[in-house]
Every structure is written in C-alpha cells, then in structure tokens.
Amino acid sequence: RPKEGLNTTNNDRYLRRWWECDLNYTKFDALSSAEAASSGATWFACQKGGSYRKWFGNNEYVVNWRGDGEEIKATVIARYGSASKRVVNEHLYFKEGITWSSISSSALSMRHVPSGQIFETKGNMCFFETEVELFKGLAFCNTCIVNPLIKCVSPTLDFHAGPVGKLPIAAGVDEEVISIAKNAVVIGTADWNAYERSWGFQYFPLLTASFGSMQSLESSYSAWITQNRETIAKLISLEEENNRLFIDAYGLADELTPEVPIEQITLTLNPAYRYGIKNTEEERNIRFRENTMEELVSSAVGCMMGRYSLDEPGLIYANSGNEGFDLLVEQGAYKVFPADDDGIIPLTDKEWFADDAANRLVEFISVAWDRDHLEENLSFLAANLSPKKGEDSRDTIRRYLCDKFYKDHMQTYKKRPIYWLFSSGKQKAFQCLVYLHRYNESTLARMRTEYVIPLTAKLSSHIEKLENDKGASGSAAEIKKLEKEIKNLHKQQTELTEFDEKLKHYADMRIPLDLDDGVKVNYGKFGDLLSDVKAIHGKAV
C-alpha cells in the first residue's frame, strides 16, 4: 500500500532540520496521533526522501505537528477550503513502514521507517498488514530486479506511489529474505547513527574503537577501518543473496546477476559509495581518513559546547537559551571533559586565550586517548588536516580550526549550522563559535567583556613588544619580518575596533532567539557580526 504523504504547502514555515529545534519540544518516537497531541511537542520526525540510500537513513527533518497539526491544517483550509486537500493519509501517520525518494536521478532505494514518524510528499511510504510483508517488501524493493520492473510500468522512472504500487512481489521467499532485510536494516541503522546528523548518534566511532593494548588515535582508526571492511563485506553478502533469491523466484537467472558493485553498498562508512569510484581506492581511503579526522574535531567541539559528553552517550544538551545547562553540570554530566562555561569558543590564529578551540582540542585528545600518546595522536590528527610544510601539529590544528572548520560544519549541517561563527572580518582579528542552543540575551555582552575587550588590550601590548624588538634588532631580514607582522596587527586592531562598536550595539539590544523560527531566520538577526550570512539567511544583512 504505497501512500502519498503530507503537503505542508509551506515547507519554510513548517519543516526544519531536526538539529535546529529545541529538544524539549521535539519528539522522534510518537506512536500515535493521540500520543503526539498529548506530548506537548511541536516538532515530530518526518520522512522527506533524500539521496540514494538503502535499508535505513536520511532521517533529518521534523515537521510542526503541534496540536495535531493545527497550524498546517488552518493554512491548508484557508487556501483550499479543506484540510484533506493536502493533509492526506493522516490515519497512517506514526505507523511503521518503508519509504523512498519520489524524485531521484538514481535508482529506487527503500528504507525502513520505525513507528513514530510523519511522511511528506517527497518521502512517500508503503504500509503492510504484517511485519513479514513489510520486510519482504523492503527486501524486494532493494533488489536488482526492481529498476527493470519500474521501467516496465513507468518508463519515465517516476517513483511516485502509483508506479511503485504496481510492482509485483513474487511468492515463496518469505523466511530467507525477511532475515536478510532485518540484518541489513541493523547494519544501515548502525551506520546512520555513527554520524552527528542522526538523532540516534551515541558516540563518535573512534572513541569506542581500540586495537590491542594501544590506546592511540591511529590504532583506534585502524581498528575502525577493519570493522568497516567487515561490515561492507557482510552487507555485500546479504544483498547478493537477496538478489539471488528473487532472481530465482522470478526465473531471471539468464537475464540478471546477483553481484552488487561496492559503490552501491549505501553506507557512509563505505568510501566507494560516499565518494564514487572515479578515483583510485587509495585516493578514496585517504579522503575518508581526512574526513574522519574532521568529524573527530566536530565531535570534540560538540563536547566543548556541552552538546555531547565523554561521560554519557547521545545528545546531552540541545535546549534553548542555556536553560537547564547549569543543572547538568551540577549533576556531573561533563566530568571527564568539562564543557565550556558559556558556549563561546574563540578561534584565533595565535594563542590569545587559554580556552580557545585549539587548546581545548588538545585537552580533548589527551583525555579521550592515553595521555602518554598525546604528541603521537596530535601528529596523526594534524597529518590529516592538510598540514603546511614546516608546521608543527598544534599549528596545523589551530589553522584548520580558524580557516576550515566552519566550512566543513556548514556542509555537515546543510547550511543550518548549530555552532555560529562570529567574525570581525577579513583579517580574522577575532572569531568565535557560539552554540545555538546555549545562546541567550547576555551572550554578546559576555563575548565583549570576556574576549573582545581583553583582546584589544593584548593586541596593543603585542604591537608594543614587536616595536621594541624591531628597535633592538640588528638584522635587516628580522626587521622586515617584524614590520610585516606589525602591519598585519595594526590591520587587525582597526578591524577589531570596528567590530567591537557593532558588537556593543547588538549586545545592548539583548536579541532573543525563537528556535521554532529555524536557523535561517535567527541567523539574520545579527547584521554582519556573523560569517556566511548570505549563504544561510539568503541575503546579506
């Protein structure tokens, strides 16, 4: 029973990436409309299609279904005269099923959807009378048979409910393919939850992987890669057996082969799927290692901000306005690696502050792995963050955080970042990350008093020191080098003064955020204090 999903008529208003919202008002597992309505939540998990991926995943959206969808229904009624014009198949909301992307340039791919989610027009769903039928349908739809069949019933490769509903499922293979589908869903779920984009994220995999008695970052990475290869091989075996069973059931042994190319094993931990196969295997593996180190840095920043913790698995804090955060600290949620006390993390090209991102990342590595291996671990991390010739590991890490971290963060969080980059401008005199969920009306004032004003004084003192060094130097080369550095610092000083004036203006306004409005709207409230305003808000402010 393939069914078309909800049409909100205004996705900008009613749909959000799940990480934008206040966790206190978000529910991912409502088992019925009655439970959803009584929960007091605003945001509920919502299927919305997504990229080519089989078995499980693409779970990124939530929809405003507060009060049984009262706002959406009111909007639809006002426009069309009846809620049923766009709020379709409501009786199937929150039920278990399988979903796919109705619009795709690739092949059809089906994913298991546990109970608790609404489905939207781009993420239609199929429903079944029994669990046996559900997993058999899922197994069938992820075989090599389906796309040739789709071409028979819909030559335009239309993946909407009508053509999908016409696909004929063969009889007689129930028990074997159900086991295959369930095992494949387990693998797909674990892979999806291994990354921050999942609301089921527990720990970054490297933090739980180890190899022998060595507790180094490199040995953890090696252990994880070994596990990944085994996982990929297992899923290849499952999918090829699934193909074989259905090929035999349809009598298509002369037409099709059960082999599954590695790039069609849709796991994020599979470099061939993640990057494609245009490059060599070695090049893919290098890129995967570099991306993994970037993801480790992101996980560490999450622990700095208090979003995650080394003490407990999963999402620890994602409320709003910093409310309830101090209580978590009192309860010992961040004992192993303390979270930042204000959710403001400086990103600076020099060590102006003891609690800047670079220093805190070094602290994180020293706690997460054996401290005796710290220098070795920093070297391995830095070697995979595009080091420059002559840089030591700490310099590479600091430069990555200043210059590239936010670009990677923007990509990971689909231009809906949760750590916001406040920047003084092109000279990068001052930059800092602020955790969206911990921002409150006093955050900007604290940014000024704790960081910007002290940095102004530090810059002046450093310039004075360099002037003295220049006067005492007898080397023409050294004098020239000092003059260049002094010139750059004067530029930063001018930029910082201008930034401080703007920061004071916005700090005095004590700007509140409403997380229900989403990142796009809230990001535009701070003028040009923030980086990448046009990319996120849609226009320069």
Protein backbone atom coordinates (compact mmCIF):
# COMPACT_ATOMS: atom_id res chain seq x y z
CA ARG A 1 0.00 0.00 0.00
CA PRO A 2 2.15 2.90 -1.18
CA LYS A 3 0.73 6.18 0.05
CA GLU A 4 1.35 9.82 -0.70
CA GLY A 5 2.38 11.97 2.26
CA LEU A 6 1.66 15.34 3.82
CA ASN A 7 1.92 18.52 1.75
CA THR A 8 2.57 21.33 4.25
CA THR A 9 2.06 23.99 1.49
CA ASN A 10 4.87 25.99 3.15
CA ASN A 11 7.97 23.96 3.94
CA ASP A 12 10.00 27.01 5.03
CA ARG A 13 7.45 27.59 7.76
CA TYR A 14 6.62 24.04 8.83
CA LEU A 15 9.72 21.92 8.17
CA ARG A 16 13.07 22.08 9.96
CA ARG A 17 16.27 20.09 10.10
CA TRP A 18 15.91 18.32 13.42
CA TRP A 19 19.04 19.90 14.92
CA GLU A 20 17.61 23.43 14.61
CA CYS A 21 14.88 22.90 17.21
CA ASP A 22 14.65 22.84 20.99
CA LEU A 23 14.99 19.21 22.07
CA ASN A 24 12.40 19.77 24.81
CA TYR A 25 9.76 20.37 22.15
CA THR A 26 10.87 17.68 19.69
CA LYS A 27 9.63 14.09 19.60
CA PHE A 28 11.09 11.38 17.39
CA ASP A 29 9.03 8.40 18.50
CA ALA A 30 5.33 9.26 18.89
CA LEU A 31 3.39 6.00 18.48
CA SER A 32 0.05 7.58 17.61
CA SER A 33 -1.65 10.87 16.85
CA ALA A 34 -3.11 10.86 20.35
CA GLU A 35 0.33 10.44 21.92
CA ALA A 36 1.74 13.19 19.69
CA ALA A 37 -1.05 15.60 20.63
CA SER A 38 -0.71 14.93 24.36
CA SER A 39 3.11 15.15 24.36
CA GLY A 40 3.18 18.96 24.22
CA ALA A 41 5.83 18.75 21.49
CA THR A 42 5.88 20.97 18.43
CA TRP A 43 8.29 19.11 16.16
CA PHE A 44 7.91 15.49 15.05
CA ALA A 45 10.12 13.27 12.92
CA CYS A 46 9.25 13.48 9.24
CA GLN A 47 10.31 11.48 6.19
CA LYS A 48 11.29 13.64 3.23
CA GLY A 49 13.07 11.41 0.73
CA GLY A 50 16.70 12.29 0.28
CA SER A 51 19.67 10.81 -1.56
CA TYR A 52 20.12 7.25 -2.81
CA ARG A 53 20.36 5.10 0.31
CA LYS A 54 19.02 1.62 1.11
CA TRP A 55 17.75 -0.04 4.29
CA PHE A 56 17.83 2.88 6.76
CA GLY A 57 18.68 6.57 6.99
CA ASN A 58 18.01 10.02 5.51
CA ASN A 59 16.26 10.90 8.77
CA GLU A 60 16.93 14.64 9.01
CA TYR A 61 13.64 16.51 9.09
CA VAL A 62 10.98 17.36 11.63
CA VAL A 63 7.57 18.89 10.94
CA ASN A 64 5.44 21.23 13.04
CA TRP A 65 2.56 18.96 14.07
CA ARG A 66 1.75 20.71 17.33
CA GLY A 67 -1.84 20.22 18.44
CA ASP A 68 -2.46 17.53 15.84
CA GLY A 69 -1.19 19.75 13.04
CA GLU A 70 -3.48 22.68 13.81
CA GLU A 71 -1.31 25.33 12.14
CA ILE A 72 -0.78 23.36 8.94
CA LYS A 73 -4.46 22.44 8.74
CA ALA A 74 -5.50 26.06 9.25
CA THR A 75 -3.18 27.17 6.45
CA VAL A 76 -4.49 24.48 4.08
CA ILE A 77 -8.13 25.24 4.90
CA ALA A 78 -7.57 28.96 4.30
CA ARG A 79 -6.03 28.26 0.90
CA TYR A 80 -8.01 25.25 -0.35
CA GLY A 81 -11.18 25.19 1.76
CA SER A 82 -10.49 21.75 3.20
CA ALA A 83 -7.60 20.23 5.16
CA SER A 84 -7.99 16.95 3.28
CA LYS A 85 -6.76 18.65 0.10
CA ARG A 86 -3.17 18.49 1.35
CA VAL A 87 -3.21 16.65 4.71
CA VAL A 88 -3.61 13.21 3.19
CA ASN A 89 -3.47 9.72 4.71
CA GLU A 90 -3.38 11.18 8.20
CA HIS A 91 -4.59 7.86 9.66
CA LEU A 92 -1.21 6.35 8.67
CA TYR A 93 0.96 8.96 10.40
CA PHE A 94 3.35 7.50 13.01
CA LYS A 95 2.96 3.93 11.67
CA GLU A 96 5.87 1.66 10.74
CA GLY A 97 6.58 1.22 7.05
CA ILE A 98 9.15 1.71 4.31
CA THR A 99 9.99 4.90 2.45
CA TRP A 100 11.76 6.03 -0.69
CA SER A 101 12.59 9.22 -2.55
CA SER A 102 9.84 10.01 -5.02
CA ILE A 103 12.19 12.21 -7.03
CA SER A 104 15.57 10.70 -7.78
CA SER A 105 18.16 10.80 -10.54
CA SER A 106 19.41 7.43 -9.31
CA ALA A 107 17.79 4.04 -8.79
CA LEU A 108 14.91 3.29 -6.44
CA SER A 109 16.07 2.68 -2.87
CA MET A 110 13.87 1.73 0.08
CA ARG A 111 14.44 2.36 3.78
CA HIS A 112 12.81 1.06 6.94
CA VAL A 113 10.86 3.64 8.97
CA PRO A 114 10.16 2.65 12.59
CA SER A 115 6.92 3.74 14.23
CA GLY A 116 6.85 7.40 15.21
CA GLN A 117 7.20 9.46 12.04
CA ILE A 118 5.06 11.52 9.70
CA PHE A 119 5.76 11.33 5.98
CA GLU A 120 5.82 14.14 3.41
CA THR A 121 5.23 14.28 -0.35
CA LYS A 122 8.93 13.76 -1.21
CA GLY A 123 9.10 10.82 1.21
CA ASN A 124 6.09 8.66 0.40
CA MET A 125 5.67 5.42 2.33
CA CYS A 126 4.44 1.87 1.86
CA PHE A 127 2.45 0.17 4.61
CA PHE A 128 1.80 -3.52 5.22
CA GLU A 129 -0.60 -5.66 7.22
CA THR A 130 2.13 -7.72 8.89
CA GLU A 131 5.80 -7.47 9.78
CA VAL A 132 6.51 -10.37 7.41
CA GLU A 133 5.01 -8.46 4.49
CA LEU A 134 6.87 -5.29 5.46
CA PHE A 135 10.35 -6.80 5.49
CA LYS A 136 9.63 -8.88 2.41
CA GLY A 137 8.56 -5.71 0.60
CA LEU A 138 11.71 -3.94 1.79
CA ALA A 139 13.92 -6.83 0.64
CA PHE A 140 12.23 -6.94 -2.77
CA CYS A 141 12.47 -3.19 -3.37
CA ASN A 142 16.22 -3.22 -2.76
CA THR A 143 16.98 -5.94 -5.32
CA CYS A 144 18.48 -5.60 -8.79
CA ILE A 145 15.08 -6.66 -10.18
CA VAL A 146 13.14 -3.57 -9.19
CA ASN A 147 14.56 -0.96 -11.55
CA PRO A 148 13.99 -3.04 -14.70
CA LEU A 149 10.43 -3.60 -13.45
CA ILE A 150 9.93 0.12 -12.79
CA LYS A 151 10.90 0.77 -16.42
CA CYS A 152 8.14 -1.62 -17.49
CA VAL A 153 5.39 0.13 -15.52
CA SER A 154 6.80 3.66 -15.70
CA PRO A 155 9.33 4.35 -18.49
CA THR A 156 9.98 7.86 -17.13
CA LEU A 157 11.34 6.39 -13.86
CA ASP A 158 8.57 8.08 -11.89
CA PHE A 159 8.96 6.90 -8.31
CA HIS A 160 5.62 8.16 -7.06
CA ALA A 161 3.11 5.97 -5.26
CA GLY A 162 1.24 4.80 -8.38
CA PRO A 163 4.09 3.12 -10.27
CA VAL A 164 5.65 1.73 -7.08
CA GLY A 165 2.31 0.18 -6.14
CA LYS A 166 2.21 -1.75 -9.42
CA LEU A 167 5.42 -3.68 -8.71
CA PRO A 168 4.66 -7.42 -8.42
CA ILE A 169 6.27 -9.19 -5.45
CA ALA A 170 6.98 -12.91 -6.02
CA ALA A 171 5.79 -15.53 -3.54
CA GLY A 172 7.75 -18.25 -1.80
CA VAL A 173 10.84 -16.47 -0.46
CA ASP A 174 9.48 -15.06 2.78
CA GLU A 175 11.59 -16.57 5.55
CA GLU A 176 15.03 -16.12 3.98
CA VAL A 177 14.59 -12.60 2.64
CA ILE A 178 12.97 -11.35 5.87
CA SER A 179 16.09 -12.35 7.79
CA ILE A 180 18.26 -10.65 5.17
CA ALA A 181 16.24 -7.43 5.31
CA LYS A 182 16.28 -7.28 9.11
CA ASN A 183 20.05 -7.80 9.23
CA ALA A 184 20.58 -5.18 6.54
CA VAL A 185 18.43 -2.69 8.49
CA VAL A 186 20.54 -3.29 11.61
CA ILE A 187 23.71 -2.55 9.62
CA GLY A 188 22.20 0.52 7.94
CA THR A 189 20.90 1.87 11.25
CA ALA A 190 24.27 1.50 12.98
CA ASP A 191 25.97 3.27 10.07
CA TRP A 192 23.47 6.15 10.05
CA ASN A 193 23.75 6.59 13.81
CA ALA A 194 27.55 6.71 13.68
CA TYR A 195 27.40 10.31 12.44
CA GLU A 196 26.23 13.55 14.06
CA ARG A 197 23.46 14.15 11.55
CA SER A 198 21.47 11.34 13.24
CA TRP A 199 19.28 11.95 16.27
CA GLY A 200 20.31 8.41 17.25
CA PHE A 201 24.02 9.39 17.40
CA GLN A 202 25.68 7.99 20.55
CA TYR A 203 29.47 8.29 20.36
CA PHE A 204 31.86 9.06 17.54
CA PRO A 205 33.09 5.58 16.49
CA LEU A 206 36.79 6.32 17.07
CA LEU A 207 36.05 6.95 20.73
CA THR A 208 34.91 3.35 21.20
CA ALA A 209 37.29 1.58 18.78
CA SER A 210 40.66 0.28 20.00
CA PHE A 211 43.26 -2.13 18.70
CA GLY A 212 45.19 -4.42 21.03
CA SER A 213 46.58 -2.69 24.10
CA MET A 214 47.45 0.52 22.24
CA GLN A 215 45.15 3.42 23.02
CA SER A 216 46.37 5.77 20.30
CA LEU A 217 44.25 7.64 17.78
CA GLU A 218 45.90 5.85 14.88
CA SER A 219 45.27 2.42 16.38
CA SER A 220 41.65 3.35 17.02
CA TYR A 221 41.32 4.43 13.40
CA SER A 222 42.90 1.19 12.17
CA ALA A 223 40.51 -0.86 14.30
CA TRP A 224 37.53 1.06 12.98
CA ILE A 225 38.63 0.63 9.36
CA THR A 226 38.93 -3.13 9.95
CA GLN A 227 35.39 -3.17 11.38
CA ASN A 228 34.14 -1.12 8.41
CA ARG A 229 35.58 -3.53 5.86
CA GLU A 230 33.92 -6.42 7.64
CA THR A 231 30.61 -4.52 7.72
CA ILE A 232 30.80 -3.71 4.00
CA ALA A 233 31.63 -7.33 3.16
CA LYS A 234 28.71 -8.56 5.27
CA LEU A 235 26.23 -6.23 3.58
CA ILE A 236 27.52 -7.21 0.12
CA SER A 237 26.92 -10.85 1.05
CA LEU A 238 23.39 -10.10 2.30
CA GLU A 239 22.43 -8.05 -0.75
CA GLU A 240 23.80 -10.57 -3.22
CA GLU A 241 21.94 -13.42 -1.51
CA ASN A 242 18.80 -11.28 -1.54
CA ASN A 243 19.26 -10.69 -5.27
CA ARG A 244 19.84 -14.39 -5.91
CA LEU A 245 16.67 -15.44 -4.09
CA PHE A 246 14.49 -13.02 -6.04
CA ILE A 247 16.22 -13.73 -9.37
CA ASP A 248 15.42 -17.41 -8.85
CA ALA A 249 11.84 -16.64 -7.79
CA TYR A 250 11.27 -14.64 -10.98
CA GLY A 251 13.12 -17.07 -13.23
CA LEU A 252 15.54 -14.37 -14.38
CA ALA A 253 18.85 -16.21 -14.00
CA ASP A 254 19.55 -15.75 -17.71
CA GLU A 255 18.79 -12.02 -17.54
CA LEU A 256 20.33 -10.74 -14.30
CA THR A 257 23.26 -11.46 -11.99
CA PRO A 258 23.17 -11.09 -8.19
CA GLU A 259 26.50 -9.25 -7.88
CA VAL A 260 26.38 -5.86 -6.15
CA PRO A 261 29.06 -3.29 -7.05
CA ILE A 262 30.73 -1.90 -3.94
CA GLU A 263 29.64 1.65 -4.76
CA GLN A 264 26.02 0.51 -4.38
CA ILE A 265 26.58 -0.52 -0.75
CA THR A 266 24.99 2.60 0.67
CA LEU A 267 26.87 3.02 3.92
CA THR A 268 28.54 6.30 4.88
CA LEU A 269 31.48 4.26 6.13
CA ASN A 270 31.94 2.92 2.56
CA PRO A 271 34.29 5.29 0.66
CA ALA A 272 33.22 3.88 -2.73
CA TYR A 273 29.60 4.89 -2.08
CA ARG A 274 30.48 8.13 -0.32
CA TYR A 275 32.85 9.48 -2.99
CA GLY A 276 32.12 7.37 -6.08
CA ILE A 277 34.69 5.29 -7.93
CA LYS A 278 36.26 7.84 -10.28
CA ASN A 279 39.40 7.97 -8.13
CA THR A 280 41.58 5.06 -7.07
CA GLU A 281 40.85 3.06 -3.94
CA GLU A 282 43.93 4.56 -2.28
CA GLU A 283 42.73 8.09 -3.03
CA ARG A 284 39.28 7.28 -1.61
CA ASN A 285 40.83 5.85 1.53
CA ILE A 286 42.98 8.95 2.06
CA ARG A 287 39.94 11.18 1.66
CA PHE A 288 37.96 9.03 4.07
CA ARG A 289 40.72 9.25 6.70
CA GLU A 290 40.88 13.03 6.31
CA ASN A 291 37.09 13.36 6.60
CA THR A 292 37.12 11.12 9.67
CA MET A 293 39.62 13.39 11.40
CA GLU A 294 37.46 16.41 10.51
CA GLU A 295 34.47 14.59 12.02
CA LEU A 296 36.51 13.86 15.14
CA VAL A 297 37.22 17.59 15.51
CA SER A 298 33.50 18.28 15.12
CA SER A 299 32.70 15.75 17.82
CA ALA A 300 35.28 17.36 20.09
CA VAL A 301 33.75 20.81 19.52
CA GLY A 302 30.38 19.27 20.41
CA CYS A 303 31.85 18.12 23.72
CA MET A 304 33.37 21.57 24.31
CA MET A 305 29.93 23.11 23.80
CA GLY A 306 28.17 20.57 26.01
CA ARG A 307 26.11 19.15 23.17
CA TYR A 308 27.85 15.82 23.75
CA SER A 309 29.84 14.40 26.63
CA LEU A 310 32.52 11.78 27.18
CA ASP A 311 30.59 10.69 30.27
CA GLU A 312 27.31 9.73 28.63
CA PRO A 313 26.21 8.64 25.14
CA GLY A 314 23.94 10.59 22.84
CA LEU A 315 22.69 14.15 22.75
CA ILE A 316 23.19 15.77 26.18
CA TYR A 317 22.10 19.37 25.69
CA ALA A 318 20.06 20.86 22.84
CA ASN A 319 17.50 23.02 24.62
CA SER A 320 17.35 26.79 24.21
CA GLY A 321 18.67 29.88 25.96
CA ASN A 322 21.16 27.86 28.03
CA GLU A 323 18.25 26.93 30.31
CA GLY A 324 18.96 23.85 32.41
CA PHE A 325 22.60 23.69 31.43
CA ASP A 326 24.00 24.59 34.85
CA LEU A 327 21.93 21.80 36.38
CA LEU A 328 23.52 19.28 34.02
CA VAL A 329 26.94 20.49 35.13
CA GLU A 330 25.96 20.12 38.79
CA GLN A 331 24.72 16.61 38.11
CA GLY A 332 28.10 15.62 36.70
CA ALA A 333 27.27 15.35 33.01
CA TYR A 334 30.70 16.67 31.99
CA LYS A 335 33.21 15.27 34.48
CA VAL A 336 35.71 13.61 32.12
CA PHE A 337 35.93 16.60 29.79
CA PRO A 338 34.31 19.80 31.14
CA ALA A 339 32.04 21.71 28.81
CA ASP A 340 32.73 25.38 28.19
CA ASP A 341 31.09 27.57 30.81
CA ASP A 342 29.43 29.98 28.36
CA GLY A 343 29.22 28.19 25.00
CA ILE A 344 31.62 30.71 23.42
CA ILE A 345 34.77 29.18 21.89
CA PRO A 346 37.41 31.54 20.41
CA LEU A 347 39.06 30.60 17.09
CA THR A 348 42.29 32.59 16.88
CA ASP A 349 45.42 32.34 14.75
CA LYS A 350 47.53 32.95 17.88
CA GLU A 351 47.09 31.72 21.43
CA TRP A 352 45.39 34.78 22.87
CA PHE A 353 43.11 32.79 25.21
CA ALA A 354 43.77 29.68 27.29
CA ASP A 355 40.30 28.32 26.48
CA ASP A 356 40.44 28.76 22.72
CA ALA A 357 39.36 25.95 20.40
CA ALA A 358 42.88 24.74 19.63
CA ASN A 359 43.90 24.40 23.28
CA ARG A 360 40.64 22.71 24.19
CA LEU A 361 41.02 20.25 21.30
CA VAL A 362 44.45 19.28 22.58
CA GLU A 363 42.88 18.76 26.00
CA PHE A 364 40.12 16.63 24.46
CA ILE A 365 42.63 14.35 22.68
CA SER A 366 44.63 13.99 25.90
CA VAL A 367 41.52 12.84 27.75
CA ALA A 368 39.88 10.68 25.08
CA TRP A 369 43.07 8.66 24.48
CA ASP A 370 46.06 7.71 26.62
CA ARG A 371 47.85 10.92 27.58
CA ASP A 372 51.20 9.17 27.06
CA HIS A 373 50.39 9.10 23.34
CA LEU A 374 49.34 12.77 23.12
CA GLU A 375 52.07 14.03 20.78
CA GLU A 376 51.72 10.97 18.56
CA ASN A 377 47.94 11.47 18.46
CA LEU A 378 48.21 15.17 17.65
CA SER A 379 50.65 14.35 14.85
CA PHE A 380 48.27 11.79 13.35
CA LEU A 381 45.34 14.21 13.60
CA ALA A 382 47.28 17.12 12.08
CA ALA A 383 48.69 14.98 9.28
CA ASN A 384 45.12 14.52 8.04
CA LEU A 385 44.11 18.20 8.27
CA SER A 386 46.11 19.42 5.25
CA PRO A 387 49.30 20.46 7.09
CA LYS A 388 51.65 23.02 5.57
CA LYS A 389 55.35 22.40 5.23
CA GLY A 390 57.21 23.29 8.41
CA GLU A 391 54.12 23.45 10.64
CA ASP A 392 54.05 21.55 13.91
CA SER A 393 50.89 19.63 14.77
CA ARG A 394 49.44 22.31 17.05
CA ASP A 395 49.89 25.00 14.39
CA THR A 396 48.12 22.85 11.81
CA ILE A 397 45.24 22.18 14.19
CA ARG A 398 44.92 25.87 15.04
CA ARG A 399 44.95 26.87 11.37
CA TYR A 400 42.34 24.23 10.48
CA LEU A 401 40.03 25.49 13.22
CA CYS A 402 40.46 29.13 12.14
CA ASP A 403 40.23 28.66 8.39
CA LYS A 404 38.33 25.50 7.51
CA PHE A 405 36.31 24.09 10.39
CA TYR A 406 33.30 26.30 9.79
CA LYS A 407 33.19 25.44 6.08
CA ASP A 408 33.08 21.76 6.99
CA HIS A 409 30.47 22.44 9.67
CA MET A 410 28.27 24.26 7.16
CA GLN A 411 28.47 21.29 4.81
CA THR A 412 27.72 18.72 7.51
CA TYR A 413 24.70 20.65 8.77
CA LYS A 414 23.35 21.56 5.31
CA LYS A 415 23.71 25.35 5.77
CA ARG A 416 21.76 25.15 9.02
CA PRO A 417 24.73 25.33 11.43
CA ILE A 418 24.39 24.80 15.17
CA TYR A 419 27.72 26.45 16.00
CA TRP A 420 27.62 30.03 14.71
CA LEU A 421 30.77 31.83 13.63
CA PHE A 422 31.01 35.40 14.89
CA SER A 423 33.80 37.10 12.95
CA SER A 424 35.37 40.57 12.96
CA GLY A 425 36.02 40.30 9.23
CA LYS A 426 38.61 39.50 6.57
CA GLN A 427 41.61 39.99 8.89
CA LYS A 428 40.17 37.47 11.37
CA ALA A 429 41.24 39.61 14.31
CA PHE A 430 38.59 37.86 16.35
CA GLN A 431 36.48 34.80 15.63
CA CYS A 432 34.46 32.62 17.93
CA LEU A 433 31.89 29.85 17.80
CA VAL A 434 28.64 30.18 19.75
CA TYR A 435 26.42 27.16 20.30
CA LEU A 436 22.94 27.98 19.02
CA HIS A 437 21.18 26.15 21.85
CA ARG A 438 23.20 27.90 24.55
CA TYR A 439 22.92 31.41 23.13
CA ASN A 440 20.97 33.77 25.38
CA GLU A 441 20.37 37.51 25.60
CA SER A 442 23.59 38.12 27.54
CA THR A 443 25.86 36.11 25.21
CA LEU A 444 27.04 39.07 23.12
CA ALA A 445 27.79 41.18 26.19
CA ARG A 446 29.84 38.33 27.60
CA MET A 447 31.64 37.95 24.28
CA ARG A 448 32.71 41.60 24.57
CA THR A 449 33.81 41.61 28.18
CA GLU A 450 35.50 38.19 28.25
CA TYR A 451 37.11 38.17 24.82
CA VAL A 452 36.91 41.20 22.54
CA ILE A 453 37.89 43.93 25.02
CA PRO A 454 40.75 41.85 26.53
CA LEU A 455 41.95 41.00 23.01
CA THR A 456 42.09 44.71 22.16
CA ALA A 457 44.49 45.25 25.03
CA LYS A 458 46.53 42.15 24.11
CA LEU A 459 46.95 43.33 20.54
CA SER A 460 48.21 46.73 21.73
CA SER A 461 50.70 45.11 24.10
CA HIS A 462 51.94 42.72 21.43
CA ILE A 463 52.43 45.53 18.92
CA GLU A 464 54.43 47.48 21.50
CA LYS A 465 56.60 44.41 22.17
CA LEU A 466 57.27 43.90 18.46
CA GLU A 467 58.18 47.59 18.06
CA ASN A 468 60.72 47.18 20.86
CA ASP A 469 62.08 44.01 19.24
CA LYS A 470 62.39 45.85 15.95
CA GLY A 471 64.32 48.69 17.58
CA ALA A 472 66.70 46.26 19.26
CA SER A 473 67.30 44.12 16.18
CA GLY A 474 70.39 44.43 14.06
CA SER A 475 69.17 42.11 11.33
CA ALA A 476 67.60 43.64 8.23
CA ALA A 477 65.72 40.41 7.49
CA GLU A 478 64.34 40.23 11.00
CA ILE A 479 63.32 43.91 10.94
CA LYS A 480 61.49 43.38 7.67
CA LYS A 481 59.68 40.35 9.13
CA LEU A 482 58.72 42.31 12.26
CA GLU A 483 57.45 45.25 10.19
CA LYS A 484 55.20 42.92 8.21
CA GLU A 485 53.78 41.38 11.39
CA ILE A 486 53.24 44.82 12.97
CA LYS A 487 51.44 45.99 9.84
CA ASN A 488 49.12 42.97 9.94
CA LEU A 489 48.43 43.51 13.64
CA HIS A 490 47.53 47.16 13.00
CA LYS A 491 45.01 45.98 10.39
CA GLN A 492 43.58 43.52 12.90
CA GLN A 493 43.48 46.24 15.54
CA THR A 494 41.44 48.52 13.26
CA GLU A 495 39.10 45.69 12.32
CA LEU A 496 38.63 44.68 15.95
CA THR A 497 37.76 48.26 16.99
CA GLU A 498 35.06 48.44 14.32
CA PHE A 499 33.75 45.00 15.29
CA ASP A 500 33.58 45.98 18.95
CA GLU A 501 31.44 49.01 18.14
CA LYS A 502 28.96 46.85 16.23
CA LEU A 503 29.07 44.14 18.87
CA LYS A 504 28.24 46.66 21.60
CA HIS A 505 25.25 47.88 19.58
CA TYR A 506 23.83 44.37 19.21
CA ALA A 507 24.72 43.40 22.78
CA ASP A 508 22.69 46.34 24.09
CA MET A 509 19.70 45.10 22.07
CA ARG A 510 19.72 41.79 24.01
CA ILE A 511 18.39 39.89 21.00
CA PRO A 512 16.29 36.82 21.81
CA LEU A 513 16.06 33.74 19.57
CA ASP A 514 12.98 31.67 18.84
CA LEU A 515 14.27 28.26 17.78
CA ASP A 516 10.90 27.44 16.23
CA ASP A 517 11.75 30.01 13.55
CA GLY A 518 14.77 27.95 12.50
CA VAL A 519 18.39 28.84 11.80
CA LYS A 520 17.66 30.72 8.56
CA VAL A 521 15.53 33.36 10.28
CA ASN A 522 17.50 33.65 13.51
CA TYR A 523 20.87 33.90 11.77
CA GLY A 524 19.78 37.13 10.12
CA LYS A 525 19.26 38.96 13.43
CA PHE A 526 22.90 39.92 13.97
CA GLY A 527 23.77 42.02 10.95
CA ASP A 528 27.25 41.24 9.67
CA LEU A 529 28.61 40.06 13.01
CA LEU A 530 28.19 36.52 11.71
CA SER A 531 30.06 34.81 8.89
CA ASP A 532 28.29 33.49 5.76
CA VAL A 533 25.07 35.41 6.39
CA LYS A 534 24.08 35.38 2.72
CA ALA A 535 24.62 31.62 2.38
CA ILE A 536 22.43 30.88 5.41
CA HIS A 537 19.93 33.71 5.69
CA GLY A 538 19.52 34.12 1.95
CA LYS A 539 20.70 37.71 1.64
CA ALA A 540 23.36 39.95 3.10
CA VAL A 541 22.10 41.95 6.07
